[in-house]
Amino acid sequence: MIALSLAASTTVKVIRCATEAKRKSLAKPCHVCKEKGFYICKICKGNASIQWSPLYDPIHINPCQCPICDGHRVQRCLNCLGRGYY
């Protein structure tokens, strides 16, 4: 029973991988992210933090982790959803 389910899951993975490879070979490359799937965060501009003030108090501006990239400095391309192609 275990061997059968292992063989079935391996077969599904192979088919999924082959389908993804065929889709990638026929697809157009994403020019927004230059086929990488990610680009520099547009909110923090790659700094990993933003300047934030709860009530727009110019004296008390706090650095805060970027809510879009979570401090990773890059964000997934919204044009190709991180795949690098359409």
PDB file of N, CA and C in Angstrom:
ATOM      1  N   MET A   1       0.818  -1.194   0.000  1.00  0.00           N
ATOM      2  CA  MET A   1       0.000   0.000   0.000  1.00  0.00           C
ATOM      3  C   MET A   1       0.860   1.255   0.000  1.00  0.00           C
ATOM      4  N   ILE A   2       1.913   1.242   0.853  1.00  0.00           N
ATOM      5  CA  ILE A   2       2.800   2.402   0.933  1.00  0.00           C
ATOM      6  C   ILE A   2       3.590   2.561  -0.361  1.00  0.00           C
ATOM      7  N   ALA A   3       4.028   1.457  -0.940  1.00  0.00           N
ATOM      8  CA  ALA A   3       4.792   1.511  -2.183  1.00  0.00           C
ATOM      9  C   ALA A   3       3.935   2.058  -3.317  1.00  0.00           C
ATOM     10  N   LEU A   4       2.669   1.701  -3.335  1.00  0.00           N
ATOM     11  CA  LEU A   4       1.759   2.183  -4.362  1.00  0.00           C
ATOM     12  C   LEU A   4       1.558   3.687  -4.246  1.00  0.00           C
ATOM     13  N   SER A   5       1.360   4.189  -3.040  1.00  0.00           N
ATOM     14  CA  SER A   5       1.154   5.628  -2.870  1.00  0.00           C
ATOM     15  C   SER A   5       2.444   6.390  -3.167  1.00  0.00           C
ATOM     16  N   LEU A   6       3.601   5.821  -2.858  1.00  0.00           N
ATOM     17  CA  LEU A   6       4.879   6.448  -3.169  1.00  0.00           C
ATOM     18  C   LEU A   6       5.073   6.530  -4.676  1.00  0.00           C
ATOM     19  N   ALA A   7       4.739   5.469  -5.372  1.00  0.00           N
ATOM     20  CA  ALA A   7       4.859   5.456  -6.835  1.00  0.00           C
ATOM     21  C   ALA A   7       3.896   6.452  -7.462  1.00  0.00           C
ATOM     22  N   ALA A   8       2.703   6.555  -6.925  1.00  0.00           N
ATOM     23  CA  ALA A   8       1.718   7.487  -7.463  1.00  0.00           C
ATOM     24  C   ALA A   8       2.157   8.928  -7.248  1.00  0.00           C
ATOM     25  N   SER A   9       2.687   9.240  -6.070  1.00  0.00           N
ATOM     26  CA  SER A   9       3.116  10.610  -5.817  1.00  0.00           C
ATOM     27  C   SER A   9       4.331  10.972  -6.668  1.00  0.00           C
ATOM     28  N   THR A  10       5.230  10.027  -6.898  1.00  0.00           N
ATOM     29  CA  THR A  10       6.387  10.267  -7.756  1.00  0.00           C
ATOM     30  C   THR A  10       5.940  10.514  -9.190  1.00  0.00           C
ATOM     31  N   THR A  11       4.979   9.747  -9.657  1.00  0.00           N
ATOM     32  CA  THR A  11       4.452   9.913 -11.010  1.00  0.00           C
ATOM     33  C   THR A  11       3.799  11.283 -11.166  1.00  0.00           C
ATOM     34  N   VAL A  12       3.045  11.711 -10.182  1.00  0.00           N
ATOM     35  CA  VAL A  12       2.394  13.012 -10.233  1.00  0.00           C
ATOM     36  C   VAL A  12       3.431  14.120 -10.280  1.00  0.00           C
ATOM     37  N   LYS A  13       4.506  13.994  -9.494  1.00  0.00           N
ATOM     38  CA  LYS A  13       5.564  15.003  -9.489  1.00  0.00           C
ATOM     39  C   LYS A  13       6.255  15.085 -10.841  1.00  0.00           C
ATOM     40  N   VAL A  14       6.507  13.949 -11.461  1.00  0.00           N
ATOM     41  CA  VAL A  14       7.170  13.914 -12.770  1.00  0.00           C
ATOM     42  C   VAL A  14       6.272  14.560 -13.817  1.00  0.00           C
ATOM     43  N   ILE A  15       5.003  14.252 -13.805  1.00  0.00           N
ATOM     44  CA  ILE A  15       4.066  14.832 -14.767  1.00  0.00           C
ATOM     45  C   ILE A  15       3.952  16.335 -14.562  1.00  0.00           C
ATOM     46  N   ARG A  16       3.861  16.765 -13.306  1.00  0.00           N
ATOM     47  CA  ARG A  16       3.754  18.190 -12.996  1.00  0.00           C
ATOM     48  C   ARG A  16       5.003  18.936 -13.450  1.00  0.00           C
ATOM     49  N   CYS A  17       6.170  18.341 -13.242  1.00  0.00           N
ATOM     50  CA  CYS A  17       7.430  18.963 -13.639  1.00  0.00           C
ATOM     51  C   CYS A  17       7.522  19.059 -15.167  1.00  0.00           C
ATOM     52  N   ALA A  18       7.112  18.015 -15.869  1.00  0.00           N
ATOM     53  CA  ALA A  18       7.134  18.026 -17.326  1.00  0.00           C
ATOM     54  C   ALA A  18       6.154  19.050 -17.879  1.00  0.00           C
ATOM     55  N   THR A  19       4.981  19.160 -17.268  1.00  0.00           N
ATOM     56  CA  THR A  19       3.984  20.134 -17.707  1.00  0.00           C
ATOM     57  C   THR A  19       4.506  21.554 -17.500  1.00  0.00           C
ATOM     58  N   GLU A  20       5.140  21.802 -16.356  1.00  0.00           N
ATOM     59  CA  GLU A  20       5.690  23.126 -16.066  1.00  0.00           C
ATOM     60  C   GLU A  20       6.821  23.473 -17.034  1.00  0.00           C
ATOM     61  N   ALA A  21       7.658  22.517 -17.381  1.00  0.00           N
ATOM     62  CA  ALA A  21       8.750  22.747 -18.331  1.00  0.00           C
ATOM     63  C   ALA A  21       8.205  23.068 -19.721  1.00  0.00           C
ATOM     64  N   LYS A  22       7.153  22.367 -20.131  1.00  0.00           N
ATOM     65  CA  LYS A  22       6.548  22.629 -21.436  1.00  0.00           C
ATOM     66  C   LYS A  22       5.897  24.009 -21.450  1.00  0.00           C
ATOM     67  N   ARG A  23       5.212  24.361 -20.358  1.00  0.00           N
ATOM     68  CA  ARG A  23       4.571  25.668 -20.255  1.00  0.00           C
ATOM     69  C   ARG A  23       5.616  26.782 -20.321  1.00  0.00           C
ATOM     70  N   LYS A  24       6.743  26.586 -19.654  1.00  0.00           N
ATOM     71  CA  LYS A  24       7.797  27.592 -19.633  1.00  0.00           C
ATOM     72  C   LYS A  24       8.430  27.751 -21.010  1.00  0.00           C
ATOM     73  N   SER A  25       8.590  26.661 -21.743  1.00  0.00           N
ATOM     74  CA  SER A  25       9.213  26.742 -23.063  1.00  0.00           C
ATOM     75  C   SER A  25       8.326  27.467 -24.071  1.00  0.00           C
ATOM     76  N   LEU A  26       7.022  27.415 -23.883  1.00  0.00           N
ATOM     77  CA  LEU A  26       6.099  28.064 -24.811  1.00  0.00           C
ATOM     78  C   LEU A  26       5.706  29.473 -24.388  1.00  0.00           C
ATOM     79  N   ALA A  27       6.008  29.862 -23.162  1.00  0.00           N
ATOM     80  CA  ALA A  27       5.549  31.140 -22.612  1.00  0.00           C
ATOM     81  C   ALA A  27       6.468  32.293 -22.995  1.00  0.00           C
ATOM     82  N   LYS A  28       5.910  33.503 -22.867  1.00  0.00           N
ATOM     83  CA  LYS A  28       6.689  34.716 -23.103  1.00  0.00           C
ATOM     84  C   LYS A  28       7.440  35.076 -21.821  1.00  0.00           C
ATOM     85  N   PRO A  29       8.666  35.565 -21.952  1.00  0.00           N
ATOM     86  CA  PRO A  29       9.400  35.973 -20.747  1.00  0.00           C
ATOM     87  C   PRO A  29       8.822  37.272 -20.179  1.00  0.00           C
ATOM     88  N   CYS A  30       8.870  37.409 -18.865  1.00  0.00           N
ATOM     89  CA  CYS A  30       8.375  38.617 -18.212  1.00  0.00           C
ATOM     90  C   CYS A  30       9.443  39.705 -18.309  1.00  0.00           C
ATOM     91  N   HIS A  31       9.072  40.841 -18.872  1.00  0.00           N
ATOM     92  CA  HIS A  31      10.023  41.931 -19.029  1.00  0.00           C
ATOM     93  C   HIS A  31      10.018  42.863 -17.819  1.00  0.00           C
ATOM     94  N   VAL A  32       9.043  42.760 -16.959  1.00  0.00           N
ATOM     95  CA  VAL A  32       8.984  43.608 -15.768  1.00  0.00           C
ATOM     96  C   VAL A  32      10.077  43.204 -14.784  1.00  0.00           C
ATOM     97  N   CYS A  33      10.210  41.914 -14.529  1.00  0.00           N
ATOM     98  CA  CYS A  33      11.209  41.421 -13.569  1.00  0.00           C
ATOM     99  C   CYS A  33      12.437  40.845 -14.264  1.00  0.00           C
ATOM    100  N   LYS A  34      12.488  40.936 -15.579  1.00  0.00           N
ATOM    101  CA  LYS A  34      13.599  40.399 -16.380  1.00  0.00           C
ATOM    102  C   LYS A  34      13.804  38.902 -16.139  1.00  0.00           C
ATOM    103  N   GLU A  35      12.702  38.171 -16.104  1.00  0.00           N
ATOM    104  CA  GLU A  35      12.648  36.710 -15.969  1.00  0.00           C
ATOM    105  C   GLU A  35      13.168  36.191 -14.634  1.00  0.00           C
ATOM    106  N   LYS A  36      13.256  37.034 -13.613  1.00  0.00           N
ATOM    107  CA  LYS A  36      13.736  36.594 -12.304  1.00  0.00           C
ATOM    108  C   LYS A  36      12.596  36.202 -11.379  1.00  0.00           C
ATOM    109  N   GLY A  37      11.432  36.817 -11.534  1.00  0.00           N
ATOM    110  CA  GLY A  37      10.297  36.519 -10.672  1.00  0.00           C
ATOM    111  C   GLY A  37      10.176  37.481  -9.507  1.00  0.00           C
ATOM    112  N   PHE A  38      11.235  38.240  -9.235  1.00  0.00           N
ATOM    113  CA  PHE A  38      11.249  39.208  -8.145  1.00  0.00           C
ATOM    114  C   PHE A  38      11.879  40.501  -8.609  1.00  0.00           C
ATOM    115  N   TYR A  39      11.561  41.583  -7.925  1.00  0.00           N
ATOM    116  CA  TYR A  39      12.240  42.855  -8.157  1.00  0.00           C
ATOM    117  C   TYR A  39      12.326  43.627  -6.850  1.00  0.00           C
ATOM    118  N   ILE A  40      13.129  44.683  -6.831  1.00  0.00           N
ATOM    119  CA  ILE A  40      13.340  45.470  -5.618  1.00  0.00           C
ATOM    120  C   ILE A  40      12.003  46.046  -5.167  1.00  0.00           C
ATOM    121  N   CYS A  41      11.760  45.991  -3.864  1.00  0.00           N
ATOM    122  CA  CYS A  41      10.500  46.473  -3.290  1.00  0.00           C
ATOM    123  C   CYS A  41      10.288  47.943  -3.630  1.00  0.00           C
ATOM    124  N   LYS A  42       9.113  48.256  -4.126  1.00  0.00           N
ATOM    125  CA  LYS A  42       8.817  49.623  -4.538  1.00  0.00           C
ATOM    126  C   LYS A  42       8.433  50.533  -3.377  1.00  0.00           C
ATOM    127  N   ILE A  43       8.064  49.966  -2.246  1.00  0.00           N
ATOM    128  CA  ILE A  43       7.687  50.784  -1.085  1.00  0.00           C
ATOM    129  C   ILE A  43       8.926  51.252  -0.329  1.00  0.00           C
ATOM    130  N   CYS A  44       9.804  50.329   0.027  1.00  0.00           N
ATOM    131  CA  CYS A  44      11.001  50.688   0.807  1.00  0.00           C
ATOM    132  C   CYS A  44      12.224  50.931  -0.078  1.00  0.00           C
ATOM    133  N   LYS A  45      12.104  50.679  -1.369  1.00  0.00           N
ATOM    134  CA  LYS A  45      13.186  50.835  -2.332  1.00  0.00           C
ATOM    135  C   LYS A  45      14.426  50.028  -1.952  1.00  0.00           C
ATOM    136  N   GLY A  46      14.211  48.865  -1.379  1.00  0.00           N
ATOM    137  CA  GLY A  46      15.290  47.954  -1.043  1.00  0.00           C
ATOM    138  C   GLY A  46      15.973  48.238   0.288  1.00  0.00           C
ATOM    139  N   ASN A  47      15.406  49.100   1.123  1.00  0.00           N
ATOM    140  CA  ASN A  47      16.008  49.416   2.421  1.00  0.00           C
ATOM    141  C   ASN A  47      15.517  48.516   3.536  1.00  0.00           C
ATOM    142  N   ALA A  48      14.488  47.770   3.343  1.00  0.00           N
ATOM    143  CA  ALA A  48      13.879  46.851   4.308  1.00  0.00           C
ATOM    144  C   ALA A  48      13.124  47.566   5.416  1.00  0.00           C
ATOM    145  N   SER A  49      13.135  48.892   5.448  1.00  0.00           N
ATOM    146  CA  SER A  49      12.380  49.623   6.467  1.00  0.00           C
ATOM    147  C   SER A  49      11.803  50.900   5.856  1.00  0.00           C
ATOM    148  N   ILE A  50      10.720  51.366   6.456  1.00  0.00           N
ATOM    149  CA  ILE A  50      10.087  52.608   6.026  1.00  0.00           C
ATOM    150  C   ILE A  50       9.999  53.549   7.221  1.00  0.00           C
ATOM    151  N   GLN A  51       9.821  54.831   6.950  1.00  0.00           N
ATOM    152  CA  GLN A  51       9.622  55.814   8.006  1.00  0.00           C
ATOM    153  C   GLN A  51       8.125  55.920   8.249  1.00  0.00           C
ATOM    154  N   TRP A  52       7.709  55.776   9.498  1.00  0.00           N
ATOM    155  CA  TRP A  52       6.291  55.715   9.810  1.00  0.00           C
ATOM    156  C   TRP A  52       5.982  56.533  11.049  1.00  0.00           C
ATOM    157  N   SER A  53       4.872  57.228  11.012  1.00  0.00           N
ATOM    158  CA  SER A  53       4.401  57.984  12.158  1.00  0.00           C
ATOM    159  C   SER A  53       2.898  57.750  12.289  1.00  0.00           C
ATOM    160  N   PRO A  54       2.412  57.355  13.466  1.00  0.00           N
ATOM    161  CA  PRO A  54       1.003  56.988  13.595  1.00  0.00           C
ATOM    162  C   PRO A  54       0.028  58.133  13.341  1.00  0.00           C
ATOM    163  N   LEU A  55       0.363  59.346  13.728  1.00  0.00           N
ATOM    164  CA  LEU A  55      -0.553  60.480  13.545  1.00  0.00           C
ATOM    165  C   LEU A  55       0.093  61.611  12.756  1.00  0.00           C
ATOM    166  N   TYR A  56       1.020  61.287  11.908  1.00  0.00           N
ATOM    167  CA  TYR A  56       1.798  62.253  11.148  1.00  0.00           C
ATOM    168  C   TYR A  56       2.352  63.344  12.056  1.00  0.00           C
ATOM    169  N   ASP A  57       3.178  62.919  12.952  1.00  0.00           N
ATOM    170  CA  ASP A  57       3.894  63.826  13.833  1.00  0.00           C
ATOM    171  C   ASP A  57       5.320  63.919  13.288  1.00  0.00           C
ATOM    172  N   PRO A  58       5.703  65.033  12.697  1.00  0.00           N
ATOM    173  CA  PRO A  58       7.022  65.110  12.066  1.00  0.00           C
ATOM    174  C   PRO A  58       8.190  64.970  13.041  1.00  0.00           C
ATOM    175  N   ILE A  59       7.946  65.125  14.317  1.00  0.00           N
ATOM    176  CA  ILE A  59       9.019  64.997  15.301  1.00  0.00           C
ATOM    177  C   ILE A  59       9.266  63.527  15.640  1.00  0.00           C
ATOM    178  N   HIS A  60       8.218  62.738  15.732  1.00  0.00           N
ATOM    179  CA  HIS A  60       8.330  61.328  16.129  1.00  0.00           C
ATOM    180  C   HIS A  60       8.062  60.412  14.937  1.00  0.00           C
ATOM    181  N   ILE A  61       9.048  60.294  14.082  1.00  0.00           N
ATOM    182  CA  ILE A  61       8.943  59.378  12.946  1.00  0.00           C
ATOM    183  C   ILE A  61       9.776  58.142  13.272  1.00  0.00           C
ATOM    184  N   ASN A  62       9.146  57.000  13.242  1.00  0.00           N
ATOM    185  CA  ASN A  62       9.783  55.745  13.633  1.00  0.00           C
ATOM    186  C   ASN A  62      10.137  54.907  12.411  1.00  0.00           C
ATOM    187  N   PRO A  63      11.334  54.320  12.380  1.00  0.00           N
ATOM    188  CA  PRO A  63      11.608  53.341  11.324  1.00  0.00           C
ATOM    189  C   PRO A  63      10.833  52.059  11.633  1.00  0.00           C
ATOM    190  N   CYS A  64      10.303  51.469  10.610  1.00  0.00           N
ATOM    191  CA  CYS A  64       9.454  50.288  10.777  1.00  0.00           C
ATOM    192  C   CYS A  64       9.775  49.307   9.642  1.00  0.00           C
ATOM    193  N   GLN A  65       9.652  48.026   9.909  1.00  0.00           N
ATOM    194  CA  GLN A  65       9.885  47.019   8.872  1.00  0.00           C
ATOM    195  C   GLN A  65       8.857  47.192   7.762  1.00  0.00           C
ATOM    196  N   CYS A  66       9.306  47.072   6.533  1.00  0.00           N
ATOM    197  CA  CYS A  66       8.430  47.255   5.373  1.00  0.00           C
ATOM    198  C   CYS A  66       7.325  46.196   5.371  1.00  0.00           C
ATOM    199  N   PRO A  67       6.054  46.611   5.283  1.00  0.00           N
ATOM    200  CA  PRO A  67       4.951  45.639   5.303  1.00  0.00           C
ATOM    201  C   PRO A  67       4.777  44.870   3.994  1.00  0.00           C
ATOM    202  N   ILE A  68       5.354  45.354   2.910  1.00  0.00           N
ATOM    203  CA  ILE A  68       5.193  44.689   1.620  1.00  0.00           C
ATOM    204  C   ILE A  68       6.188  43.541   1.457  1.00  0.00           C
ATOM    205  N   CYS A  69       7.461  43.807   1.735  1.00  0.00           N
ATOM    206  CA  CYS A  69       8.497  42.781   1.533  1.00  0.00           C
ATOM    207  C   CYS A  69       8.909  42.091   2.821  1.00  0.00           C
ATOM    208  N   ASP A  70       8.365  42.502   3.960  1.00  0.00           N
ATOM    209  CA  ASP A  70       8.693  41.923   5.273  1.00  0.00           C
ATOM    210  C   ASP A  70      10.188  41.961   5.574  1.00  0.00           C
ATOM    211  N   GLY A  71      10.865  42.992   5.086  1.00  0.00           N
ATOM    212  CA  GLY A  71      12.286  43.154   5.363  1.00  0.00           C
ATOM    213  C   GLY A  71      13.207  42.370   4.452  1.00  0.00           C
ATOM    214  N   HIS A  72      12.679  41.697   3.428  1.00  0.00           N
ATOM    215  CA  HIS A  72      13.503  40.896   2.517  1.00  0.00           C
ATOM    216  C   HIS A  72      14.064  41.723   1.366  1.00  0.00           C
ATOM    217  N   ARG A  73      13.612  42.960   1.218  1.00  0.00           N
ATOM    218  CA  ARG A  73      14.095  43.933   0.236  1.00  0.00           C
ATOM    219  C   ARG A  73      13.664  43.650  -1.199  1.00  0.00           C
ATOM    220  N   VAL A  74      13.010  42.545  -1.460  1.00  0.00           N
ATOM    221  CA  VAL A  74      12.475  42.251  -2.792  1.00  0.00           C
ATOM    222  C   VAL A  74      11.024  41.831  -2.648  1.00  0.00           C
ATOM    223  N   GLN A  75      10.261  41.995  -3.708  1.00  0.00           N
ATOM    224  CA  GLN A  75       8.880  41.541  -3.706  1.00  0.00           C
ATOM    225  C   GLN A  75       8.632  40.720  -4.956  1.00  0.00           C
ATOM    226  N   ARG A  76       7.665  39.828  -4.869  1.00  0.00           N
ATOM    227  CA  ARG A  76       7.319  38.966  -5.995  1.00  0.00           C
ATOM    228  C   ARG A  76       6.730  39.807  -7.105  1.00  0.00           C
ATOM    229  N   CYS A  77       7.109  39.499  -8.318  1.00  0.00           N
ATOM    230  CA  CYS A  77       6.592  40.218  -9.481  1.00  0.00           C
ATOM    231  C   CYS A  77       5.093  39.952  -9.604  1.00  0.00           C
ATOM    232  N   LEU A  78       4.318  41.007  -9.654  1.00  0.00           N
ATOM    233  CA  LEU A  78       2.868  40.868  -9.767  1.00  0.00           C
ATOM    234  C   LEU A  78       2.428  40.644 -11.211  1.00  0.00           C
ATOM    235  N   ASN A  79       3.324  40.892 -12.147  1.00  0.00           N
ATOM    236  CA  ASN A  79       3.002  40.697 -13.548  1.00  0.00           C
ATOM    237  C   ASN A  79       2.993  39.211 -13.922  1.00  0.00           C
ATOM    238  N   CYS A  80       3.984  38.464 -13.431  1.00  0.00           N
ATOM    239  CA  CYS A  80       4.089  37.038 -13.767  1.00  0.00           C
ATOM    240  C   CYS A  80       3.866  36.139 -12.554  1.00  0.00           C
ATOM    241  N   LEU A  81       3.532  36.724 -11.406  1.00  0.00           N
ATOM    242  CA  LEU A  81       3.286  36.016 -10.144  1.00  0.00           C
ATOM    243  C   LEU A  81       4.509  35.214  -9.666  1.00  0.00           C
ATOM    244  N   GLY A  82       5.698  35.747  -9.971  1.00  0.00           N
ATOM    245  CA  GLY A  82       6.935  35.145  -9.479  1.00  0.00           C
ATOM    246  C   GLY A  82       7.485  34.006 -10.310  1.00  0.00           C
ATOM    247  N   ARG A  83       6.906  33.729 -11.465  1.00  0.00           N
ATOM    248  CA  ARG A  83       7.392  32.620 -12.282  1.00  0.00           C
ATOM    249  C   ARG A  83       8.497  33.033 -13.261  1.00  0.00           C
ATOM    250  N   GLY A  84       8.497  34.292 -13.689  1.00  0.00           N
ATOM    251  CA  GLY A  84       9.484  34.758 -14.657  1.00  0.00           C
ATOM    252  C   GLY A  84       8.982  34.722 -16.090  1.00  0.00           C
ATOM    253  N   TYR A  85       7.782  34.217 -16.295  1.00  0.00           N
ATOM    254  CA  TYR A  85       7.177  34.154 -17.629  1.00  0.00           C
ATOM    255  C   TYR A  85       5.663  34.267 -17.484  1.00  0.00           C
ATOM    256  N   TYR A  86       4.998  34.549 -18.614  1.00  0.00           N
ATOM    257  CA  TYR A  86       3.541  34.677 -18.605  1.00  0.00           C
ATOM    258  C   TYR A  86       2.884  33.337 -18.733  1.00  0.00           C
TER     259      TYR A  86
END
